[in-house]
Amino acid sequence: MNATSNETTNFSNIIKKSVLENFASDISIAKILIMLAIAFVIGLFIYLLYKRVFSGVLYSKSFNVSLIGMTMITAVVIIAINSNLVLSLGMVGALSIVRFRTPIKDPTDLIFLFWAAVAGIVTGAGFYTLAAIGSVVVGLILFFFIKKASVDTPYLLVVHCQDEQSEQAVRTRIAEAVKRYNLKQKTVSNGNIELTVEVRLKDAEGEFVNKLSGLPGVHNAVLISYSGDYVS
């Protein structure tokens, strides 16, 4: 009975000691400034990388700036959680009822948002080396894959032709003039065949479209630049 009581007391003492060691009543201003400075540098790195690799239609500077803010704000929250046990419990309850309803259209934007939040958490927890090295590695990987994927600008070619003979002529011309192509959609109606083709061009866009439009039986040809995502 006494042995069990002593084990329980020792376990309770270990828990209390751990809590007291990990949660201080205050944190030095120097440490706060260092954490915020590191969070700002990492957030700035994320900001510059997002601006460099962005390949969408409309670049949003406010969204990009929010990545810096998210990194620093998250770091501040983690600093507060690490410095006070009662405050940390209160923040967990308060943040659990917050709902963010900003729509994210591009999955790449979601990656950058999550990256900024995680970088702030790691920095606020004091793992500066992990935050720095992790951000550099993630940044290099994203830069490599995103920029490599956008070396050849993809285009959607929409062609309206009269019959199968003109369609075959269009396909032959496309095969000769582009690096590679992929038929995305074909719609056949009375007296009209519509082709939607993803192409990677060799020559100038205007000359390519003009030559297609001049083929016999071709009503019109439209070339559209897009990000590489297509839903039929």
Foldseek 3Di string as FASTA:
>chain_A
DVVVVVVVVVVVVVVVVVVPVQAAQDDDPVLLVVLLVLLLVLLVVLLVLCVVLDDADDDDNVLSVVLSVLLNVLLVLLLVVRHHVVVVVVVVVVVVPDDDDDDDDDVVSVVSNVLSNVLSNCSSVPVSVCSVVVSVVVSVVCSVVSVVVPPFFKKKKKWKFFDPVLVVVLVVLQVVFFPDKDWDDWDDDHRIIITIMITRGDDDPVVSQVVSCPGPRIPHMDIGTHDPDDDD
